[in-house]
Amino acid sequence: DRDVTGVQTCALPICFFLSDLHPHVMAIPFTLLALTVCLNVMKAPLPDLGVFGAHRPAQIGQWALLALIFGAASFMNSWDFPMLLLFLGISLALQQRWAAPQGATQWFKGLSLVGLPIVAGAFIFYAPFYARFQSQANGLGLVKDRTDLYYLLVIFGLFLLILLPVLTGRALQAYSAKEAKPKAGKDAPALCLICGRENPGKKFCGHCGGEVAAPVPLETVPVPFEAVRDFLQSASKELALWSENGKGWFWVGGAVLLLALMNLSFLRLSVIFLCLMVLWLAAVSLGRKAESREMIFATWLVALAFVLIAFCEVLYIRDHFSGSALYRMNTVFKFHYQAWIFLSVASAPLLKWLFENQWPRWSKLKRLGWGGLFALAFLGAGLYPFLALSERLAGSSMTALTLDGTDYFSRTYPGDFQAVDWIRNNLKPVNGKPPVILEAWGGSYSEYARIATQTGYPTVLGWDFHEAQWRGAWDKAAIRGGDAADTILTRRQDIDTIYTTTDLGLAKSLLAKYGVNYVYVGGLEKQKYKDNLAGLAKFGQLGVPVFSFGDSVLYKLNP
């Protein structure tokens, strides 16, 4: 991670190397799964509910499955949810129009019939989560200082080297591209959508049970709305006129100069201007008369990625960091992360198109220039994981390297490790619930909350800042719908009182307030409360020690 002018960037290799279990990392497989679903929706050949096939049980099952997949995006990392749901809506809208272009009413009916239950299910299936969910989001704010173009190129430069020439080339050709071949006629053989075998006169395949339908053309109209398509094609023709007789390099140079000047100005609008350029080129490139669904999918991914990047330059989501120098850290961090994944998926088909359609027509000088830049960018991006890893491991013993995350814990905090091992093997539920083990609270990214982390058992409070961040304030109820006086600040004070007071009655009442069953006193507690050793000693009167190792003691409280 690094922090640059109030903007945090987080590299994927570092997240994996650190075994980072933050939501944005854990959600990556589900994000890729959701994108795969969107692509398959785009490629579905049948209209209305046929997007899920002709089997009614399969339709219902896939409805539920998609609701679970897209609902999980909000459940695990709510930052991903709006854009993934939007992309599903775009995919479904295009698919319904391609499959049955008979009119706006029928198209809207099919879109609503398929889409609305998915959206509803995405919330219904995760209703218990939403019932207790507390968000730190507190509206939108206007960005005061924007991203330096240099830092954006550091993160997204490799992608831009691919998509800018591809989108430009495709936009210049959009008005002259060939039309899509018409769909197969009535005499075309009915093929299974799964195994591809012919099944004349059948609705389902006699070999594998898959749906049977007429062959779907490999290409389709990217924008199935004639007026919009005509406008984009006229824009493509204008771009082509501007680039004739070598004038294209003049416009490229002008755009680069304008970006540089904007980046030096006090408003720093260079990133916004770059995003608008990419979005315009992506839109015009979709004005082609025929395109594969895979390329349409990739182009939309690029467009949505730069919508996310542009959003971060204009607005930010107010959260726990608002009012500080890092006021838009989470907004940039989470949305750029999502944009990076979108662009990484889209770059593969775009790069293939570049080598198949542009590379053969480029001059040797253009090949050398682009190839050199791409090689440098690729080398820089490829070296980063190795350099970051070697820097991280500097000074470490190679014999100590292990995939066991508890190994360091056992060597550095042997008393805590032994206590954790004993708790895992010996503690049982209390009245059908996991036992609550009190330990000292502490700051984020510290050793505090180690017992709760290593055992999975609840505690009263771990990392105070993270807990306050998830609720958006220090003085909000710790549990949604619970006691308004039960805040993070209150819990910090109560834990300190429990460990330091010599008043047995006060300690008992506070322990009962949080349903504590066990109290842990280890090295961190003795260091934090070293001026109140009498307060630590009193737990021998409130309970019995059930585990002891070195300076670590676990007390079971008396009933």
Protein backbone atom coordinates (compact mmCIF):
# COMPACT_ATOMS: atom_id res chain seq x y z
CA ASP A 1 0.00 0.00 0.00
CA ARG A 2 1.03 3.60 -0.41
CA ASP A 3 -0.61 6.91 0.28
CA VAL A 4 -0.11 9.66 -2.32
CA THR A 5 -1.77 13.10 -2.00
CA GLY A 6 -4.63 11.70 0.00
CA VAL A 7 -5.15 8.70 -2.28
CA GLN A 8 -4.47 5.13 -1.29
CA THR A 9 -3.49 2.54 -3.85
CA CYS A 10 -3.35 -1.13 -3.04
CA ALA A 11 -1.59 -3.61 -5.31
CA LEU A 12 -3.12 -7.03 -5.80
CA PRO A 13 0.16 -8.95 -5.27
CA ILE A 14 0.66 -7.32 -1.87
CA CYS A 15 -2.89 -8.25 -0.83
CA PHE A 16 -2.27 -11.91 -1.66
CA PHE A 17 1.20 -11.92 -0.14
CA LEU A 18 -0.14 -10.56 3.14
CA SER A 19 -3.00 -13.10 3.11
CA ASP A 20 -5.23 -10.05 3.35
CA LEU A 21 -8.73 -11.09 4.34
CA HIS A 22 -10.28 -7.68 3.72
CA PRO A 23 -13.61 -7.88 1.85
CA HIS A 24 -12.21 -6.40 -1.37
CA VAL A 25 -9.83 -9.38 -1.62
CA MET A 26 -12.26 -12.11 -0.58
CA ALA A 27 -14.80 -10.78 -3.09
CA ILE A 28 -12.49 -11.18 -6.12
CA PRO A 29 -13.62 -14.73 -7.02
CA PHE A 30 -17.28 -13.67 -6.71
CA THR A 31 -16.64 -10.58 -8.84
CA LEU A 32 -15.11 -12.76 -11.56
CA LEU A 33 -18.02 -15.18 -11.23
CA ALA A 34 -20.52 -12.31 -11.59
CA LEU A 35 -18.71 -11.07 -14.71
CA THR A 36 -18.81 -14.59 -16.16
CA VAL A 37 -22.56 -14.68 -15.54
CA CYS A 38 -22.95 -11.36 -17.37
CA LEU A 39 -21.07 -12.68 -20.39
CA ASN A 40 -23.19 -15.83 -20.49
CA VAL A 41 -26.36 -13.74 -20.19
CA MET A 42 -25.22 -11.73 -23.21
CA LYS A 43 -24.69 -14.94 -25.19
CA ALA A 44 -28.03 -16.55 -24.30
CA PRO A 45 -30.05 -17.08 -27.53
CA LEU A 46 -33.63 -17.26 -26.26
CA PRO A 47 -35.87 -14.31 -25.25
CA ASP A 48 -37.74 -13.62 -22.00
CA LEU A 49 -37.35 -16.43 -19.49
CA GLY A 50 -35.53 -18.40 -22.17
CA VAL A 51 -32.36 -16.62 -21.07
CA PHE A 52 -32.30 -19.35 -18.41
CA GLY A 53 -33.27 -22.13 -20.83
CA ALA A 54 -36.59 -23.74 -21.61
CA HIS A 55 -36.82 -25.97 -18.50
CA ARG A 56 -39.07 -24.22 -15.95
CA PRO A 57 -37.32 -25.83 -12.92
CA ALA A 58 -33.98 -24.72 -14.36
CA GLN A 59 -35.32 -21.21 -14.84
CA ILE A 60 -36.33 -20.94 -11.19
CA GLY A 61 -33.04 -22.46 -10.04
CA GLN A 62 -30.99 -20.04 -12.11
CA TRP A 63 -33.05 -17.11 -10.90
CA ALA A 64 -32.15 -18.08 -7.34
CA LEU A 65 -28.52 -18.75 -8.22
CA LEU A 66 -28.05 -15.33 -9.82
CA ALA A 67 -29.73 -13.65 -6.86
CA LEU A 68 -27.32 -15.45 -4.52
CA ILE A 69 -24.28 -14.52 -6.63
CA PHE A 70 -25.08 -10.84 -7.02
CA GLY A 71 -26.46 -10.54 -3.50
CA ALA A 72 -23.15 -11.91 -2.22
CA ALA A 73 -21.40 -8.89 -3.76
CA SER A 74 -23.22 -6.63 -1.31
CA PHE A 75 -22.90 -9.09 1.56
CA MET A 76 -19.11 -9.41 1.19
CA ASN A 77 -18.05 -6.06 -0.26
CA SER A 78 -20.89 -3.60 -0.74
CA TRP A 79 -18.70 -1.32 -2.90
CA ASP A 80 -18.92 -3.91 -5.73
CA PHE A 81 -22.68 -4.37 -5.62
CA PRO A 82 -24.01 -1.32 -7.56
CA MET A 83 -21.68 -1.67 -10.56
CA LEU A 84 -22.05 -5.44 -10.84
CA LEU A 85 -25.82 -5.13 -10.68
CA LEU A 86 -25.70 -2.37 -13.31
CA PHE A 87 -23.57 -4.54 -15.58
CA LEU A 88 -26.02 -7.41 -15.20
CA GLY A 89 -28.84 -5.02 -16.15
CA ILE A 90 -26.93 -3.86 -19.25
CA SER A 91 -26.15 -7.46 -20.26
CA LEU A 92 -29.76 -8.51 -19.80
CA ALA A 93 -31.11 -5.46 -21.65
CA LEU A 94 -28.89 -6.14 -24.66
CA GLN A 95 -29.63 -9.86 -24.64
CA GLN A 96 -33.38 -9.36 -24.57
CA ARG A 97 -33.17 -6.89 -27.46
CA TRP A 98 -30.96 -9.18 -29.53
CA ALA A 99 -33.07 -12.28 -28.88
CA ALA A 100 -36.44 -10.65 -29.73
CA PRO A 101 -36.19 -7.20 -31.36
CA GLN A 102 -39.96 -6.97 -31.83
CA GLY A 103 -40.65 -3.75 -29.94
CA ALA A 104 -39.99 -1.66 -26.86
CA THR A 105 -42.97 -3.01 -24.91
CA GLN A 106 -42.00 -6.65 -25.31
CA TRP A 107 -38.38 -5.82 -24.60
CA PHE A 108 -39.22 -3.99 -21.36
CA LYS A 109 -41.56 -6.80 -20.32
CA GLY A 110 -38.87 -9.44 -20.80
CA LEU A 111 -36.27 -7.31 -19.03
CA SER A 112 -38.56 -6.75 -16.03
CA LEU A 113 -39.72 -10.37 -15.88
CA VAL A 114 -36.17 -11.65 -15.65
CA GLY A 115 -34.37 -8.80 -13.88
CA LEU A 116 -36.66 -7.69 -11.08
CA PRO A 117 -36.82 -11.09 -9.30
CA ILE A 118 -33.01 -11.24 -9.35
CA VAL A 119 -32.75 -7.82 -7.71
CA ALA A 120 -35.43 -8.71 -5.15
CA GLY A 121 -33.79 -12.05 -4.38
CA ALA A 122 -30.39 -10.40 -3.95
CA PHE A 123 -31.84 -8.55 -0.95
CA ILE A 124 -34.25 -11.22 0.33
CA PHE A 125 -31.63 -13.99 0.54
CA TYR A 126 -29.40 -11.76 2.66
CA ALA A 127 -32.15 -10.16 4.75
CA PRO A 128 -30.60 -11.26 8.10
CA PHE A 129 -27.42 -9.43 7.13
CA TYR A 130 -29.27 -6.22 6.21
CA ALA A 131 -31.29 -6.39 9.43
CA ARG A 132 -28.11 -5.82 11.47
CA PHE A 133 -25.99 -4.04 8.87
CA GLN A 134 -24.52 -0.67 9.82
CA SER A 135 -22.78 1.37 7.14
CA GLN A 136 -20.19 4.09 7.56
CA ALA A 137 -21.43 5.70 4.34
CA ASN A 138 -22.95 9.08 5.06
CA GLY A 139 -23.84 10.64 1.72
CA LEU A 140 -21.69 12.12 -1.03
CA GLY A 141 -19.20 14.96 -1.05
CA LEU A 142 -17.39 16.97 -3.73
CA VAL A 143 -13.74 16.14 -4.32
CA LYS A 144 -11.36 18.95 -3.38
CA ASP A 145 -8.05 17.64 -4.73
CA ARG A 146 -7.86 15.30 -7.71
CA THR A 147 -5.49 12.54 -8.72
CA ASP A 148 -2.23 13.40 -10.44
CA LEU A 149 -2.23 11.85 -13.93
CA TYR A 150 1.21 10.39 -13.25
CA TYR A 151 -0.08 8.16 -10.45
CA LEU A 152 -3.05 7.04 -12.52
CA LEU A 153 -0.68 5.96 -15.29
CA VAL A 154 1.44 4.06 -12.79
CA ILE A 155 -1.58 1.92 -11.86
CA PHE A 156 -3.48 1.75 -15.17
CA GLY A 157 -0.79 2.59 -17.77
CA LEU A 158 -0.41 -0.98 -19.06
CA PHE A 159 -4.15 -1.22 -19.69
CA LEU A 160 -4.21 2.16 -21.44
CA LEU A 161 -1.47 1.04 -23.83
CA ILE A 162 -3.81 -1.73 -24.95
CA LEU A 163 -7.23 -0.13 -24.93
CA LEU A 164 -6.43 3.31 -26.37
CA PRO A 165 -5.11 2.06 -29.74
CA VAL A 166 -7.78 -0.65 -29.89
CA LEU A 167 -10.71 1.66 -29.12
CA THR A 168 -9.36 4.33 -31.45
CA GLY A 169 -8.94 1.84 -34.29
CA ARG A 170 -12.36 0.36 -33.76
CA ALA A 171 -13.97 3.80 -33.51
CA LEU A 172 -12.39 4.86 -36.81
CA GLN A 173 -13.73 1.73 -38.52
CA ALA A 174 -17.20 1.71 -36.96
CA TYR A 175 -18.95 3.53 -39.81
CA SER A 176 -17.48 1.23 -42.48
CA ALA A 177 -17.72 -2.12 -40.66
CA LYS A 178 -19.66 -4.89 -42.34
CA GLU A 179 -23.18 -5.76 -41.24
CA ALA A 180 -23.92 -8.85 -39.20
CA LYS A 181 -24.99 -11.88 -41.10
CA PRO A 182 -28.75 -12.54 -40.79
CA LYS A 183 -30.00 -15.18 -38.41
CA ALA A 184 -30.47 -18.66 -39.71
CA GLY A 185 -33.80 -19.23 -41.44
CA LYS A 186 -36.55 -21.69 -40.66
CA ASP A 187 -34.77 -24.46 -42.53
CA ALA A 188 -31.63 -24.19 -40.42
CA PRO A 189 -31.00 -27.32 -38.32
CA ALA A 190 -31.99 -27.09 -34.67
CA LEU A 191 -28.89 -27.58 -32.55
CA CYS A 192 -28.43 -28.39 -28.88
CA LEU A 193 -27.04 -25.38 -27.06
CA ILE A 194 -24.87 -27.65 -24.91
CA CYS A 195 -23.52 -30.47 -27.05
CA GLY A 196 -24.20 -28.95 -30.50
CA ARG A 197 -25.93 -32.01 -31.96
CA GLU A 198 -28.83 -31.74 -34.36
CA ASN A 199 -32.28 -32.48 -32.91
CA PRO A 200 -34.84 -31.74 -35.64
CA GLY A 201 -38.36 -31.16 -34.33
CA LYS A 202 -37.34 -31.43 -30.67
CA LYS A 203 -37.39 -28.92 -27.85
CA PHE A 204 -34.78 -30.69 -25.76
CA CYS A 205 -31.73 -32.67 -26.80
CA GLY A 206 -32.16 -36.43 -26.78
CA HIS A 207 -28.48 -36.88 -25.92
CA CYS A 208 -27.77 -34.47 -23.07
CA GLY A 209 -31.14 -32.85 -22.26
CA GLY A 210 -30.01 -29.36 -23.23
CA GLU A 211 -32.23 -26.76 -24.94
CA VAL A 212 -32.54 -26.92 -28.70
CA ALA A 213 -32.64 -23.74 -30.79
CA ALA A 214 -31.70 -22.42 -34.20
CA PRO A 215 -28.01 -21.44 -34.55
CA VAL A 216 -27.19 -17.99 -33.24
CA PRO A 217 -24.88 -15.85 -35.41
CA LEU A 218 -21.42 -15.24 -34.01
CA GLU A 219 -21.89 -11.50 -34.45
CA THR A 220 -24.70 -9.14 -33.59
CA VAL A 221 -25.50 -5.43 -33.61
CA PRO A 222 -23.69 -3.89 -30.58
CA VAL A 223 -26.24 -1.07 -30.16
CA PRO A 224 -29.70 -2.47 -31.01
CA PHE A 225 -31.25 1.00 -31.24
CA GLU A 226 -31.12 2.45 -34.72
CA ALA A 227 -31.13 6.17 -33.86
CA VAL A 228 -28.26 5.78 -31.40
CA ARG A 229 -26.33 3.61 -33.81
CA ASP A 230 -26.70 6.15 -36.63
CA PHE A 231 -25.37 8.90 -34.37
CA LEU A 232 -22.34 6.82 -33.35
CA GLN A 233 -21.60 5.93 -36.97
CA SER A 234 -21.70 9.59 -37.98
CA ALA A 235 -19.27 10.33 -35.13
CA SER A 236 -17.03 7.52 -36.41
CA LYS A 237 -17.05 9.04 -39.89
CA GLU A 238 -16.05 12.43 -38.48
CA LEU A 239 -13.17 10.84 -36.57
CA ALA A 240 -12.02 9.13 -39.73
CA LEU A 241 -12.03 12.45 -41.62
CA TRP A 242 -9.99 14.10 -38.85
CA SER A 243 -7.35 11.36 -39.06
CA GLU A 244 -6.88 11.43 -42.85
CA ASN A 245 -3.50 12.28 -44.39
CA GLY A 246 -1.59 11.96 -41.15
CA LYS A 247 -3.74 14.46 -39.27
CA GLY A 248 -4.43 11.81 -36.64
CA TRP A 249 -0.99 12.36 -35.10
CA PHE A 250 -1.77 16.05 -34.81
CA TRP A 251 -4.87 15.28 -32.76
CA VAL A 252 -2.99 12.73 -30.65
CA GLY A 253 -0.29 15.29 -29.89
CA GLY A 254 -2.92 17.89 -29.08
CA ALA A 255 -4.68 15.52 -26.69
CA VAL A 256 -1.40 14.70 -24.92
CA LEU A 257 -0.54 18.40 -24.59
CA LEU A 258 -4.00 19.20 -23.29
CA LEU A 259 -3.75 16.40 -20.70
CA ALA A 260 -0.39 17.76 -19.55
CA LEU A 261 -1.69 21.31 -19.21
CA MET A 262 -4.79 20.15 -17.36
CA ASN A 263 -2.63 18.15 -14.99
CA LEU A 264 -0.55 21.24 -14.19
CA SER A 265 -3.56 23.49 -13.64
CA PHE A 266 -4.94 24.09 -10.14
CA LEU A 267 -8.18 22.26 -11.05
CA ARG A 268 -6.24 19.19 -12.25
CA LEU A 269 -8.91 17.89 -14.63
CA SER A 270 -6.57 15.63 -16.60
CA VAL A 271 -7.92 12.33 -15.26
CA ILE A 272 -11.52 13.40 -15.90
CA PHE A 273 -10.62 14.42 -19.46
CA LEU A 274 -8.84 11.10 -20.05
CA CYS A 275 -11.87 9.20 -18.77
CA LEU A 276 -14.19 11.16 -21.08
CA MET A 277 -11.89 10.39 -24.03
CA VAL A 278 -11.95 6.67 -23.29
CA LEU A 279 -15.73 6.65 -22.78
CA TRP A 280 -16.27 8.52 -26.06
CA LEU A 281 -14.03 6.13 -28.00
CA ALA A 282 -15.75 3.12 -26.39
CA ALA A 283 -19.18 4.47 -27.32
CA VAL A 284 -18.23 5.22 -30.93
CA SER A 285 -16.58 1.80 -31.30
CA LEU A 286 -19.92 0.23 -30.37
CA GLY A 287 -21.51 1.96 -33.37
CA ARG A 288 -20.28 -0.87 -35.60
CA LYS A 289 -22.92 -2.76 -37.55
CA ALA A 290 -21.65 -6.13 -36.38
CA GLU A 291 -19.58 -7.38 -33.47
CA SER A 292 -19.02 -10.49 -31.39
CA ARG A 293 -20.66 -10.58 -28.01
CA GLU A 294 -17.25 -11.09 -26.39
CA MET A 295 -15.95 -7.79 -27.78
CA ILE A 296 -19.14 -6.00 -26.76
CA PHE A 297 -18.68 -7.42 -23.27
CA ALA A 298 -15.04 -6.23 -23.13
CA THR A 299 -15.94 -2.74 -24.39
CA TRP A 300 -18.63 -2.32 -21.76
CA LEU A 301 -16.18 -3.45 -19.08
CA VAL A 302 -13.75 -0.73 -20.15
CA ALA A 303 -16.53 1.88 -20.14
CA LEU A 304 -17.73 0.94 -16.65
CA ALA A 305 -14.15 0.91 -15.32
CA PHE A 306 -13.60 4.49 -16.45
CA VAL A 307 -16.98 5.54 -15.11
CA LEU A 308 -15.70 4.37 -11.71
CA ILE A 309 -12.40 6.22 -12.13
CA ALA A 310 -14.17 9.42 -13.23
CA PHE A 311 -16.60 9.18 -10.30
CA CYS A 312 -13.67 9.27 -7.88
CA GLU A 313 -12.47 12.56 -9.42
CA VAL A 314 -15.79 14.33 -8.87
CA LEU A 315 -17.50 12.78 -5.85
CA TYR A 316 -16.52 10.74 -2.82
CA ILE A 317 -18.54 8.73 -0.33
CA ARG A 318 -18.52 10.34 3.10
CA ASP A 319 -17.29 7.90 5.72
CA HIS A 320 -15.18 7.73 8.87
CA PHE A 321 -12.25 9.41 7.09
CA SER A 322 -14.23 12.49 6.06
CA GLY A 323 -12.64 15.68 7.30
CA SER A 324 -9.11 14.26 7.25
CA ALA A 325 -6.42 14.31 4.56
CA LEU A 326 -7.56 10.80 3.61
CA TYR A 327 -11.17 11.87 3.11
CA ARG A 328 -11.61 9.98 -0.17
CA MET A 329 -9.23 7.10 0.54
CA ASN A 330 -11.91 4.42 0.67
CA THR A 331 -13.70 5.72 -2.42
CA VAL A 332 -10.55 5.70 -4.58
CA PHE A 333 -9.19 2.52 -3.03
CA LYS A 334 -12.30 0.40 -3.52
CA PHE A 335 -13.46 1.78 -6.89
CA HIS A 336 -9.99 1.76 -8.46
CA TYR A 337 -9.59 -1.81 -7.25
CA GLN A 338 -12.81 -2.76 -9.01
CA ALA A 339 -11.80 -0.84 -12.15
CA TRP A 340 -8.47 -2.68 -12.17
CA ILE A 341 -10.25 -6.04 -12.18
CA PHE A 342 -12.62 -4.93 -14.96
CA LEU A 343 -9.73 -3.73 -17.13
CA SER A 344 -7.66 -6.85 -16.50
CA VAL A 345 -10.53 -9.02 -17.78
CA ALA A 346 -11.24 -6.77 -20.76
CA SER A 347 -7.60 -6.44 -21.84
CA ALA A 348 -7.23 -10.04 -23.03
CA PRO A 349 -9.77 -9.91 -25.91
CA LEU A 350 -8.74 -6.33 -26.73
CA LEU A 351 -5.08 -7.35 -27.02
CA LYS A 352 -6.05 -10.29 -29.25
CA TRP A 353 -7.99 -7.91 -31.50
CA LEU A 354 -5.01 -5.56 -31.67
CA PHE A 355 -2.61 -8.26 -32.86
CA GLU A 356 -5.11 -9.67 -35.36
CA ASN A 357 -6.44 -6.42 -36.83
CA GLN A 358 -4.02 -3.54 -36.19
CA TRP A 359 -0.56 -5.02 -35.86
CA PRO A 360 -0.42 -6.38 -39.45
CA ARG A 361 -1.31 -2.92 -40.87
CA TRP A 362 1.05 -0.87 -38.69
CA SER A 363 4.32 0.42 -40.08
CA LYS A 364 7.60 -0.87 -38.66
CA LEU A 365 8.10 2.42 -36.82
CA LYS A 366 4.67 2.24 -35.19
CA ARG A 367 5.22 -1.40 -34.23
CA LEU A 368 8.58 -0.54 -32.72
CA GLY A 369 7.19 2.43 -30.78
CA TRP A 370 4.14 0.68 -29.39
CA GLY A 371 6.01 -2.59 -28.81
CA GLY A 372 8.77 -0.82 -26.90
CA LEU A 373 6.34 1.04 -24.66
CA PHE A 374 4.29 -2.09 -24.05
CA ALA A 375 7.40 -4.15 -23.22
CA LEU A 376 8.56 -1.55 -20.70
CA ALA A 377 5.12 -1.30 -19.09
CA PHE A 378 4.73 -5.07 -19.00
CA LEU A 379 8.21 -5.49 -17.53
CA GLY A 380 7.49 -2.86 -14.88
CA ALA A 381 4.17 -4.45 -13.96
CA GLY A 382 5.73 -7.93 -13.96
CA LEU A 383 8.69 -6.91 -11.83
CA TYR A 384 6.58 -5.28 -9.15
CA PRO A 385 5.41 -8.50 -7.44
CA PHE A 386 8.98 -9.82 -7.26
CA LEU A 387 10.49 -6.54 -6.05
CA ALA A 388 7.72 -6.03 -3.50
CA LEU A 389 8.12 -9.61 -2.27
CA SER A 390 11.90 -9.35 -1.95
CA GLU A 391 11.58 -6.04 -0.11
CA ARG A 392 9.03 -7.56 2.23
CA LEU A 393 11.23 -10.58 2.93
CA ALA A 394 14.43 -8.56 3.40
CA GLY A 395 16.11 -9.68 6.61
CA SER A 396 13.91 -12.77 6.98
CA SER A 397 15.40 -16.22 7.40
CA MET A 398 14.57 -18.52 4.49
CA THR A 399 14.31 -21.43 6.93
CA ALA A 400 11.51 -19.60 8.75
CA LEU A 401 9.29 -19.26 5.66
CA THR A 402 6.04 -21.16 6.01
CA LEU A 403 2.42 -21.08 4.92
CA ASP A 404 1.36 -21.66 8.53
CA GLY A 405 -0.02 -18.31 9.66
CA THR A 406 0.21 -19.32 13.33
CA ASP A 407 3.94 -20.08 13.18
CA TYR A 408 5.00 -16.47 13.80
CA PHE A 409 2.36 -16.18 16.52
CA SER A 410 3.68 -19.26 18.32
CA ARG A 411 7.29 -18.03 18.24
CA THR A 412 6.60 -14.40 19.16
CA TYR A 413 3.80 -14.84 21.69
CA PRO A 414 4.23 -18.37 23.11
CA GLY A 415 1.94 -17.74 26.09
CA ASP A 416 -0.88 -16.46 23.92
CA PHE A 417 -0.36 -19.30 21.46
CA GLN A 418 -0.61 -21.94 24.20
CA ALA A 419 -3.73 -20.25 25.56
CA VAL A 420 -5.34 -20.24 22.12
CA ASP A 421 -4.51 -23.92 21.64
CA TRP A 422 -6.02 -24.79 25.02
CA ILE A 423 -9.17 -22.75 24.32
CA ARG A 424 -9.70 -24.44 20.97
CA ASN A 425 -9.44 -27.89 22.50
CA ASN A 426 -11.27 -27.38 25.78
CA LEU A 427 -13.88 -24.63 25.78
CA LYS A 428 -17.49 -25.60 25.16
CA PRO A 429 -20.58 -23.52 24.35
CA VAL A 430 -22.26 -21.85 27.31
CA ASN A 431 -26.05 -22.20 27.20
CA GLY A 432 -25.78 -23.08 23.53
CA LYS A 433 -23.72 -19.99 22.65
CA PRO A 434 -19.98 -19.51 22.08
CA PRO A 435 -18.28 -18.30 25.27
CA VAL A 436 -17.37 -14.61 25.47
CA ILE A 437 -13.68 -14.13 26.34
CA LEU A 438 -12.64 -10.70 27.54
CA GLU A 439 -9.24 -9.37 26.47
CA ALA A 440 -7.74 -5.88 26.23
CA TRP A 441 -8.78 -3.66 23.34
CA GLY A 442 -6.25 -1.91 21.09
CA GLY A 443 -5.54 -0.06 17.88
CA SER A 444 -5.84 -1.33 14.32
CA TYR A 445 -3.14 -3.56 12.84
CA SER A 446 -1.80 -4.35 16.29
CA GLU A 447 -1.47 -7.57 18.26
CA TYR A 448 -4.65 -6.82 20.18
CA ALA A 449 -7.73 -9.00 19.67
CA ARG A 450 -5.38 -11.95 19.15
CA ILE A 451 -7.45 -14.39 21.24
CA ALA A 452 -10.69 -13.61 19.39
CA THR A 453 -8.87 -13.70 16.05
CA GLN A 454 -7.15 -17.03 16.64
CA THR A 455 -10.10 -18.83 18.27
CA GLY A 456 -13.13 -17.28 16.58
CA TYR A 457 -14.79 -16.73 19.95
CA PRO A 458 -16.43 -13.34 20.61
CA THR A 459 -14.93 -10.63 22.76
CA VAL A 460 -16.28 -7.28 23.96
CA LEU A 461 -14.06 -5.11 21.72
CA GLY A 462 -10.99 -5.73 19.57
CA TRP A 463 -9.64 -3.06 17.21
CA ASP A 464 -11.53 0.02 18.30
CA PHE A 465 -10.94 2.17 15.18
CA HIS A 466 -12.11 -0.54 12.78
CA GLU A 467 -15.23 -1.13 14.85
CA ALA A 468 -16.00 2.60 14.86
CA GLN A 469 -15.23 2.81 11.13
CA TRP A 470 -17.75 0.09 10.28
CA ARG A 471 -20.41 2.06 12.14
CA GLY A 472 -19.35 5.46 10.85
CA ALA A 473 -18.95 7.01 14.30
CA TRP A 474 -17.56 6.38 17.75
CA ASP A 475 -20.87 7.18 19.41
CA LYS A 476 -23.22 4.93 17.40
CA ALA A 477 -24.79 1.85 18.99
CA ALA A 478 -22.39 -1.09 18.75
CA ILE A 479 -25.31 -3.32 17.71
CA ARG A 480 -27.93 -1.95 15.33
CA GLY A 481 -31.22 -1.56 17.13
CA GLY A 482 -29.52 -2.11 20.47
CA ASP A 483 -28.87 0.15 23.43
CA ALA A 484 -27.91 3.62 22.11
CA ALA A 485 -25.58 4.04 25.09
CA ASP A 486 -23.65 0.88 24.14
CA THR A 487 -21.04 2.54 21.90
CA ILE A 488 -17.41 1.85 21.04
CA LEU A 489 -16.33 4.59 23.42
CA THR A 490 -18.43 3.08 26.20
CA ARG A 491 -16.97 -0.37 25.62
CA ARG A 492 -13.42 0.93 25.69
CA GLN A 493 -14.07 2.64 29.01
CA ASP A 494 -15.83 -0.39 30.49
CA ILE A 495 -13.03 -2.79 29.50
CA ASP A 496 -10.44 -0.49 31.06
CA THR A 497 -12.53 -0.31 34.21
CA ILE A 498 -12.91 -4.10 34.42
CA TYR A 499 -9.15 -4.62 34.24
CA THR A 500 -8.13 -1.76 36.53
CA THR A 501 -10.79 -1.47 39.24
CA THR A 502 -10.42 -3.19 42.60
CA ASP A 503 -14.15 -2.83 43.25
CA LEU A 504 -15.42 -6.42 42.86
CA GLY A 505 -19.04 -5.35 42.65
CA LEU A 506 -18.38 -2.89 39.83
CA ALA A 507 -16.30 -5.43 37.94
CA LYS A 508 -19.03 -8.09 38.32
CA SER A 509 -21.74 -5.79 37.01
CA LEU A 510 -19.72 -4.79 33.97
CA LEU A 511 -18.77 -8.40 33.20
CA ALA A 512 -22.44 -9.39 33.44
CA LYS A 513 -23.41 -6.47 31.20
CA TYR A 514 -21.46 -7.99 28.29
CA GLY A 515 -22.14 -11.64 29.12
CA VAL A 516 -18.45 -12.39 29.71
CA ASN A 517 -17.66 -16.00 30.63
CA TYR A 518 -13.86 -15.92 30.68
CA VAL A 519 -11.25 -13.22 31.30
CA TYR A 520 -7.80 -13.44 29.73
CA VAL A 521 -4.74 -11.81 31.26
CA GLY A 522 -1.65 -12.09 29.07
CA GLY A 523 1.43 -10.09 28.24
CA LEU A 524 -0.49 -7.32 26.44
CA GLU A 525 -2.90 -6.88 29.35
CA LYS A 526 -0.08 -6.75 31.87
CA GLN A 527 1.77 -4.20 29.76
CA LYS A 528 -1.27 -2.03 29.10
CA TYR A 529 -2.47 -2.05 32.70
CA LYS A 530 0.95 -2.25 34.40
CA ASP A 531 0.02 0.60 36.75
CA ASN A 532 -2.99 -1.33 38.05
CA LEU A 533 -1.61 -4.76 38.99
CA ALA A 534 -4.03 -5.01 41.92
CA GLY A 535 -6.88 -4.72 39.44
CA LEU A 536 -5.48 -7.64 37.45
CA ALA A 537 -5.00 -9.73 40.58
CA LYS A 538 -8.68 -9.47 41.58
CA PHE A 539 -9.78 -11.94 38.88
CA GLY A 540 -8.62 -14.72 41.22
CA GLN A 541 -11.51 -13.67 43.46
CA LEU A 542 -14.03 -13.44 40.60
CA GLY A 543 -13.23 -16.82 39.10
CA VAL A 544 -10.79 -19.69 38.91
CA PRO A 545 -7.73 -20.00 36.63
CA VAL A 546 -8.38 -22.80 34.15
CA PHE A 547 -5.21 -22.28 32.12
CA SER A 548 -1.80 -20.84 32.91
CA PHE A 549 1.40 -20.68 30.87
CA GLY A 550 4.23 -18.22 31.52
CA ASP A 551 2.64 -14.82 32.05
CA SER A 552 -0.72 -15.83 30.53
CA VAL A 553 -3.74 -16.81 32.65
CA LEU A 554 -7.32 -17.58 31.60
CA TYR A 555 -9.95 -17.18 34.32
CA LYS A 556 -13.36 -18.83 34.25
CA LEU A 557 -15.78 -16.54 36.04
CA ASN A 558 -17.87 -17.84 38.90
CA PRO A 559 -21.60 -18.22 38.12
